[in-house]
Amino acid sequence: MLSYEKILIGELETNCYLIWEEETKECLVIDPGDDGVGISEEINNKKLKVKAVFLTHGHFDHSMGALDLKLIYNVDFGCSEKDAFLLDRQDETAKHFLKKEIQVPNFIKIDIDLDKIKKFELGEEIIEIIKTPGHTPGSVCFYNKKNKLLFSGDTLFAGLRGRTDFKYGSTKEIFKSLKKLMKLDKKTLVLPGHGDETTIERESRRYL
């Protein structure tokens, strides 16, 4: 059985998710916001075994806690290489959106290019990596078919899609990605990068 917990992180209220397989306690951390140390306290309280830290995309409000967690647990960091340029410029984007100087992590490399793998295993549970470009070139979603859970990052929200007005965004691509997501089981619970959960059934009325 797959379990999850949402942790609200940072000034932009990013949804970080811990997902784990109950029997083995193997855990994947998704989008750790800017507080890897705080997230580690919850991980340790639950006695979870972190297997990797993955990003749905490279924006600073989803990524800044990843390096701390990688170092604390000595695990791999996964993100699409297509979003590596966003990791490289976290300092300027954080300053722009937060209106202040902050210390950002120096990512030397991406250990797992999420563009190059199709799935990730937690015990007996399979997490599918669905490529969903549009919000950023390397945006991905994480899907567990068995439990009908979709971790959609900033591609799909309750009643909204991800913004595409950045110079690297693509409205055309995000609608292709949304149509791909709408093919999932209608009962799938959508757990976005910000805000409240929704379902594929609810959102399919908008995108089909």
C-alpha atoms as a PDB file:
ATOM      1  CA  MET A   1       0.000   0.000   0.000  1.00  0.00           C
ATOM      2  CA  LEU A   2       1.196   3.493  -0.854  1.00  0.00           C
ATOM      3  CA  SER A   3       0.756   6.301   1.660  1.00  0.00           C
ATOM      4  CA  TYR A   4       1.492   9.998   1.353  1.00  0.00           C
ATOM      5  CA  GLU A   5       1.666  13.175   3.384  1.00  0.00           C
ATOM      6  CA  LYS A   6       1.495  16.771   2.159  1.00  0.00           C
ATOM      7  CA  ILE A   7       3.732  19.334   3.842  1.00  0.00           C
ATOM      8  CA  LEU A   8       3.173  23.020   3.071  1.00  0.00           C
ATOM      9  CA  ILE A   9       6.539  24.739   2.611  1.00  0.00           C
ATOM     10  CA  GLY A  10       7.806  28.309   2.173  1.00  0.00           C
ATOM     11  CA  GLU A  11       6.469  31.748   1.332  1.00  0.00           C
ATOM     12  CA  LEU A  12       4.969  30.534  -1.953  1.00  0.00           C
ATOM     13  CA  GLU A  13       3.207  27.687  -0.118  1.00  0.00           C
ATOM     14  CA  THR A  14       4.620  24.824  -2.130  1.00  0.00           C
ATOM     15  CA  ASN A  15       3.155  21.374  -1.536  1.00  0.00           C
ATOM     16  CA  CYS A  16       5.939  18.950  -0.695  1.00  0.00           C
ATOM     17  CA  TYR A  17       4.888  15.303  -0.687  1.00  0.00           C
ATOM     18  CA  LEU A  18       6.340  12.353   1.152  1.00  0.00           C
ATOM     19  CA  ILE A  19       5.154   9.128  -0.466  1.00  0.00           C
ATOM     20  CA  TRP A  20       6.058   5.749   0.926  1.00  0.00           C
ATOM     21  CA  GLU A  21       5.336   2.051   0.687  1.00  0.00           C
ATOM     22  CA  GLU A  22       3.888   0.883   3.991  1.00  0.00           C
ATOM     23  CA  GLU A  23       5.627  -2.469   4.283  1.00  0.00           C
ATOM     24  CA  THR A  24       9.187  -1.397   3.521  1.00  0.00           C
ATOM     25  CA  LYS A  25       8.844   2.298   4.525  1.00  0.00           C
ATOM     26  CA  GLU A  26      10.764   3.210   1.371  1.00  0.00           C
ATOM     27  CA  CYS A  27      10.063   6.874   0.700  1.00  0.00           C
ATOM     28  CA  LEU A  28      10.245   9.304  -2.208  1.00  0.00           C
ATOM     29  CA  VAL A  29      10.340  13.039  -1.463  1.00  0.00           C
ATOM     30  CA  ILE A  30       8.657  15.191  -4.121  1.00  0.00           C
ATOM     31  CA  ASP A  31       9.281  18.950  -4.404  1.00  0.00           C
ATOM     32  CA  PRO A  32      10.917  19.734  -1.034  1.00  0.00           C
ATOM     33  CA  GLY A  33      10.379  23.483  -1.234  1.00  0.00           C
ATOM     34  CA  ASP A  34      12.997  25.414   0.731  1.00  0.00           C
ATOM     35  CA  ASP A  35      13.173  23.462   3.996  1.00  0.00           C
ATOM     36  CA  GLY A  36      14.999  20.173   3.637  1.00  0.00           C
ATOM     37  CA  VAL A  37      15.976  20.097   7.303  1.00  0.00           C
ATOM     38  CA  GLY A  38      12.403  20.618   8.499  1.00  0.00           C
ATOM     39  CA  ILE A  39      11.172  17.923   6.122  1.00  0.00           C
ATOM     40  CA  SER A  40      13.841  15.542   7.447  1.00  0.00           C
ATOM     41  CA  GLU A  41      12.372  15.866  10.944  1.00  0.00           C
ATOM     42  CA  GLU A  42       9.018  14.581   9.679  1.00  0.00           C
ATOM     43  CA  ILE A  43      10.758  11.793   7.756  1.00  0.00           C
ATOM     44  CA  ASN A  44      12.615  10.713  10.872  1.00  0.00           C
ATOM     45  CA  ASN A  45       9.494  10.901  13.036  1.00  0.00           C
ATOM     46  CA  LYS A  46       7.768   8.497  10.664  1.00  0.00           C
ATOM     47  CA  LYS A  47      10.879   6.272  10.474  1.00  0.00           C
ATOM     48  CA  LEU A  48      10.852   6.416   6.672  1.00  0.00           C
ATOM     49  CA  LYS A  49      13.740   5.281   4.481  1.00  0.00           C
ATOM     50  CA  VAL A  50      14.359   7.934   1.860  1.00  0.00           C
ATOM     51  CA  LYS A  51      15.221   6.397  -1.495  1.00  0.00           C
ATOM     52  CA  ALA A  52      15.402   9.564  -3.634  1.00  0.00           C
ATOM     53  CA  VAL A  53      14.401  13.218  -3.902  1.00  0.00           C
ATOM     54  CA  PHE A  54      12.541  14.115  -7.119  1.00  0.00           C
ATOM     55  CA  LEU A  55      11.329  17.410  -8.569  1.00  0.00           C
ATOM     56  CA  THR A  56       8.293  17.848 -10.784  1.00  0.00           C
ATOM     57  CA  HIS A  57      10.179  20.788 -12.324  1.00  0.00           C
ATOM     58  CA  GLY A  58      13.113  23.072 -11.641  1.00  0.00           C
ATOM     59  CA  HIS A  59      11.531  26.197 -10.159  1.00  0.00           C
ATOM     60  CA  PHE A  60      13.228  27.432  -6.997  1.00  0.00           C
ATOM     61  CA  ASP A  61      10.142  27.166  -4.779  1.00  0.00           C
ATOM     62  CA  HIS A  62      10.055  23.417  -5.444  1.00  0.00           C
ATOM     63  CA  SER A  63      13.766  22.663  -5.377  1.00  0.00           C
ATOM     64  CA  MET A  64      15.738  24.505  -2.727  1.00  0.00           C
ATOM     65  CA  GLY A  65      15.391  21.848  -0.022  1.00  0.00           C
ATOM     66  CA  ALA A  66      16.550  19.047  -2.312  1.00  0.00           C
ATOM     67  CA  LEU A  67      20.296  19.373  -1.756  1.00  0.00           C
ATOM     68  CA  ASP A  68      19.950  19.252   2.035  1.00  0.00           C
ATOM     69  CA  LEU A  69      17.899  16.059   1.800  1.00  0.00           C
ATOM     70  CA  LYS A  70      20.305  14.513  -0.697  1.00  0.00           C
ATOM     71  CA  LEU A  71      23.183  15.127   1.706  1.00  0.00           C
ATOM     72  CA  ILE A  72      21.328  14.127   4.882  1.00  0.00           C
ATOM     73  CA  TYR A  73      20.205  10.769   3.478  1.00  0.00           C
ATOM     74  CA  ASN A  74      22.944  10.200   0.859  1.00  0.00           C
ATOM     75  CA  VAL A  75      20.392   9.562  -1.888  1.00  0.00           C
ATOM     76  CA  ASP A  76      19.983  10.495  -5.537  1.00  0.00           C
ATOM     77  CA  PHE A  77      18.458  13.743  -6.720  1.00  0.00           C
ATOM     78  CA  GLY A  78      16.158  13.482  -9.750  1.00  0.00           C
ATOM     79  CA  CYS A  79      14.982  16.181 -12.136  1.00  0.00           C
ATOM     80  CA  SER A  80      14.700  16.560 -15.888  1.00  0.00           C
ATOM     81  CA  GLU A  81      17.951  17.765 -17.446  1.00  0.00           C
ATOM     82  CA  LYS A  82      15.754  20.054 -19.538  1.00  0.00           C
ATOM     83  CA  ASP A  83      15.188  22.095 -16.371  1.00  0.00           C
ATOM     84  CA  ALA A  84      18.858  22.199 -15.328  1.00  0.00           C
ATOM     85  CA  PHE A  85      19.041  25.847 -16.473  1.00  0.00           C
ATOM     86  CA  LEU A  86      16.398  26.722 -13.868  1.00  0.00           C
ATOM     87  CA  LEU A  87      18.461  25.140 -11.098  1.00  0.00           C
ATOM     88  CA  ASP A  88      21.452  27.169 -12.273  1.00  0.00           C
ATOM     89  CA  ARG A  89      19.574  30.466 -11.918  1.00  0.00           C
ATOM     90  CA  GLN A  90      17.719  29.860  -8.652  1.00  0.00           C
ATOM     91  CA  ASP A  91      19.339  32.856  -6.953  1.00  0.00           C
ATOM     92  CA  GLU A  92      18.052  35.432  -9.444  1.00  0.00           C
ATOM     93  CA  THR A  93      14.551  33.943  -9.672  1.00  0.00           C
ATOM     94  CA  ALA A  94      14.248  33.623  -5.893  1.00  0.00           C
ATOM     95  CA  LYS A  95      15.306  37.252  -5.494  1.00  0.00           C
ATOM     96  CA  HIS A  96      12.806  38.332  -8.159  1.00  0.00           C
ATOM     97  CA  PHE A  97       9.800  36.536  -6.653  1.00  0.00           C
ATOM     98  CA  LEU A  98      10.620  36.900  -2.952  1.00  0.00           C
ATOM     99  CA  LYS A  99      11.999  40.466  -3.234  1.00  0.00           C
ATOM    100  CA  LYS A 100      14.995  39.636  -1.050  1.00  0.00           C
ATOM    101  CA  GLU A 101      18.398  37.977  -1.116  1.00  0.00           C
ATOM    102  CA  ILE A 102      18.441  34.358   0.017  1.00  0.00           C
ATOM    103  CA  GLN A 103      21.045  31.617   0.049  1.00  0.00           C
ATOM    104  CA  VAL A 104      20.344  28.988  -2.586  1.00  0.00           C
ATOM    105  CA  PRO A 105      21.889  25.524  -3.000  1.00  0.00           C
ATOM    106  CA  ASN A 106      24.591  24.866  -5.565  1.00  0.00           C
ATOM    107  CA  PHE A 107      23.485  21.830  -7.548  1.00  0.00           C
ATOM    108  CA  ILE A 108      26.555  20.267  -9.118  1.00  0.00           C
ATOM    109  CA  LYS A 109      24.653  17.603 -11.022  1.00  0.00           C
ATOM    110  CA  ILE A 110      21.336  15.857 -11.501  1.00  0.00           C
ATOM    111  CA  ASP A 111      21.825  12.219 -10.464  1.00  0.00           C
ATOM    112  CA  ILE A 112      18.735  10.868 -12.230  1.00  0.00           C
ATOM    113  CA  ASP A 113      17.485  12.509 -15.414  1.00  0.00           C
ATOM    114  CA  LEU A 114      13.726  12.004 -15.179  1.00  0.00           C
ATOM    115  CA  ASP A 115      13.471  12.338 -18.951  1.00  0.00           C
ATOM    116  CA  LYS A 116      15.334   9.058 -19.267  1.00  0.00           C
ATOM    117  CA  ILE A 117      13.346   6.831 -16.918  1.00  0.00           C
ATOM    118  CA  LYS A 118       9.719   5.708 -17.074  1.00  0.00           C
ATOM    119  CA  LYS A 119       9.190   4.415 -13.552  1.00  0.00           C
ATOM    120  CA  PHE A 120      10.546   4.324 -10.019  1.00  0.00           C
ATOM    121  CA  GLU A 121       9.939   1.575  -7.471  1.00  0.00           C
ATOM    122  CA  LEU A 122       9.076   1.919  -3.801  1.00  0.00           C
ATOM    123  CA  GLY A 123       8.931  -1.616  -2.455  1.00  0.00           C
ATOM    124  CA  GLU A 124       6.195  -3.276  -4.508  1.00  0.00           C
ATOM    125  CA  GLU A 125       4.707   0.035  -5.612  1.00  0.00           C
ATOM    126  CA  ILE A 126       5.410   1.541  -9.045  1.00  0.00           C
ATOM    127  CA  ILE A 127       5.653   5.297  -9.562  1.00  0.00           C
ATOM    128  CA  GLU A 128       5.317   6.178 -13.245  1.00  0.00           C
ATOM    129  CA  ILE A 129       7.075   9.296 -14.542  1.00  0.00           C
ATOM    130  CA  ILE A 130       4.827  11.092 -17.035  1.00  0.00           C
ATOM    131  CA  LYS A 131       6.509  13.755 -19.149  1.00  0.00           C
ATOM    132  CA  THR A 132       4.345  16.889 -19.112  1.00  0.00           C
ATOM    133  CA  PRO A 133       6.226  19.830 -20.676  1.00  0.00           C
ATOM    134  CA  GLY A 134       4.619  23.235 -20.918  1.00  0.00           C
ATOM    135  CA  HIS A 135       4.999  25.006 -17.582  1.00  0.00           C
ATOM    136  CA  THR A 136       8.704  24.295 -17.969  1.00  0.00           C
ATOM    137  CA  PRO A 137      10.476  22.239 -20.661  1.00  0.00           C
ATOM    138  CA  GLY A 138      11.215  19.427 -18.219  1.00  0.00           C
ATOM    139  CA  SER A 139       8.009  19.275 -16.187  1.00  0.00           C
ATOM    140  CA  VAL A 140       6.941  15.778 -15.130  1.00  0.00           C
ATOM    141  CA  CYS A 141       4.151  14.232 -13.074  1.00  0.00           C
ATOM    142  CA  PHE A 142       4.343  11.160 -10.855  1.00  0.00           C
ATOM    143  CA  TYR A 143       1.548   8.594 -11.112  1.00  0.00           C
ATOM    144  CA  ASN A 144       0.685   5.526  -9.067  1.00  0.00           C
ATOM    145  CA  LYS A 145      -1.907   3.584 -11.042  1.00  0.00           C
ATOM    146  CA  LYS A 146      -2.700   1.072  -8.315  1.00  0.00           C
ATOM    147  CA  ASN A 147      -3.770   3.695  -5.774  1.00  0.00           C
ATOM    148  CA  LYS A 148      -4.928   6.238  -8.392  1.00  0.00           C
ATOM    149  CA  LEU A 149      -2.646   9.056  -7.217  1.00  0.00           C
ATOM    150  CA  LEU A 150      -1.190  11.763  -9.473  1.00  0.00           C
ATOM    151  CA  PHE A 151       1.397  14.226  -8.178  1.00  0.00           C
ATOM    152  CA  SER A 152       1.000  16.906 -10.827  1.00  0.00           C
ATOM    153  CA  GLY A 153       3.459  19.630  -9.826  1.00  0.00           C
ATOM    154  CA  ASP A 154       2.588  22.908 -11.533  1.00  0.00           C
ATOM    155  CA  THR A 155       1.090  21.310 -14.629  1.00  0.00           C
ATOM    156  CA  LEU A 156      -2.433  20.838 -13.250  1.00  0.00           C
ATOM    157  CA  PHE A 157      -4.181  22.481 -10.306  1.00  0.00           C
ATOM    158  CA  ALA A 158      -7.754  22.444  -9.019  1.00  0.00           C
ATOM    159  CA  GLY A 159      -9.570  24.432 -11.701  1.00  0.00           C
ATOM    160  CA  LEU A 160      -6.373  25.768 -13.261  1.00  0.00           C
ATOM    161  CA  ARG A 161      -3.461  24.796 -15.452  1.00  0.00           C
ATOM    162  CA  GLY A 162       0.145  25.826 -14.971  1.00  0.00           C
ATOM    163  CA  ARG A 163       1.234  29.230 -16.206  1.00  0.00           C
ATOM    164  CA  THR A 164       3.108  29.352 -19.509  1.00  0.00           C
ATOM    165  CA  ASP A 165       3.962  33.038 -19.793  1.00  0.00           C
ATOM    166  CA  PHE A 166       7.650  32.521 -19.045  1.00  0.00           C
ATOM    167  CA  LYS A 167       9.828  32.744 -22.160  1.00  0.00           C
ATOM    168  CA  TYR A 168      10.581  29.013 -21.874  1.00  0.00           C
ATOM    169  CA  GLY A 169       6.936  28.027 -21.287  1.00  0.00           C
ATOM    170  CA  SER A 170       4.626  26.678 -23.975  1.00  0.00           C
ATOM    171  CA  THR A 171       0.843  26.872 -23.999  1.00  0.00           C
ATOM    172  CA  LYS A 172       0.735  24.433 -26.905  1.00  0.00           C
ATOM    173  CA  GLU A 173       2.824  21.885 -25.022  1.00  0.00           C
ATOM    174  CA  ILE A 174       0.934  22.180 -21.743  1.00  0.00           C
ATOM    175  CA  PHE A 175      -2.387  21.466 -23.466  1.00  0.00           C
ATOM    176  CA  LYS A 176      -0.832  18.366 -25.021  1.00  0.00           C
ATOM    177  CA  SER A 177       0.311  17.369 -21.536  1.00  0.00           C
ATOM    178  CA  LEU A 178      -3.113  18.007 -20.032  1.00  0.00           C
ATOM    179  CA  LYS A 179      -4.794  15.854 -22.669  1.00  0.00           C
ATOM    180  CA  LYS A 180      -2.367  13.091 -21.765  1.00  0.00           C
ATOM    181  CA  LEU A 181      -3.303  13.383 -18.071  1.00  0.00           C
ATOM    182  CA  MET A 182      -7.018  13.381 -18.874  1.00  0.00           C
ATOM    183  CA  LYS A 183      -6.624   9.832 -20.207  1.00  0.00           C
ATOM    184  CA  LEU A 184      -5.871   8.556 -16.703  1.00  0.00           C
ATOM    185  CA  ASP A 185      -8.530   6.837 -14.608  1.00  0.00           C
ATOM    186  CA  LYS A 186     -11.238   9.407 -13.856  1.00  0.00           C
ATOM    187  CA  LYS A 187     -11.112   8.501 -10.153  1.00  0.00           C
ATOM    188  CA  THR A 188      -7.457   9.532  -9.937  1.00  0.00           C
ATOM    189  CA  LEU A 189      -6.748  11.969  -7.105  1.00  0.00           C
ATOM    190  CA  VAL A 190      -4.690  14.924  -8.320  1.00  0.00           C
ATOM    191  CA  LEU A 191      -2.199  16.309  -5.801  1.00  0.00           C
ATOM    192  CA  PRO A 192      -0.795  19.567  -7.230  1.00  0.00           C
ATOM    193  CA  GLY A 193       2.289  21.618  -6.441  1.00  0.00           C
ATOM    194  CA  HIS A 194       0.186  24.371  -4.842  1.00  0.00           C
ATOM    195  CA  GLY A 195      -3.325  24.525  -3.473  1.00  0.00           C
ATOM    196  CA  ASP A 196      -5.970  21.896  -2.920  1.00  0.00           C
ATOM    197  CA  GLU A 197      -6.401  18.449  -4.406  1.00  0.00           C
ATOM    198  CA  THR A 198      -8.791  17.674  -7.225  1.00  0.00           C
ATOM    199  CA  THR A 199      -9.630  14.701  -9.460  1.00  0.00           C
ATOM    200  CA  ILE A 200      -9.117  13.825 -13.099  1.00  0.00           C
ATOM    201  CA  GLU A 201     -12.892  13.490 -13.444  1.00  0.00           C
ATOM    202  CA  ARG A 202     -13.427  17.047 -12.231  1.00  0.00           C
ATOM    203  CA  GLU A 203     -10.681  18.537 -14.388  1.00  0.00           C
ATOM    204  CA  SER A 204     -11.585  16.527 -17.502  1.00  0.00           C
ATOM    205  CA  ARG A 205     -14.699  18.685 -17.911  1.00  0.00           C
ATOM    206  CA  ARG A 206     -12.337  21.567 -18.582  1.00  0.00           C
ATOM    207  CA  TYR A 207      -9.741  19.943 -20.835  1.00  0.00           C
ATOM    208  CA  LEU A 208     -11.655  17.344 -22.886  1.00  0.00           C
END
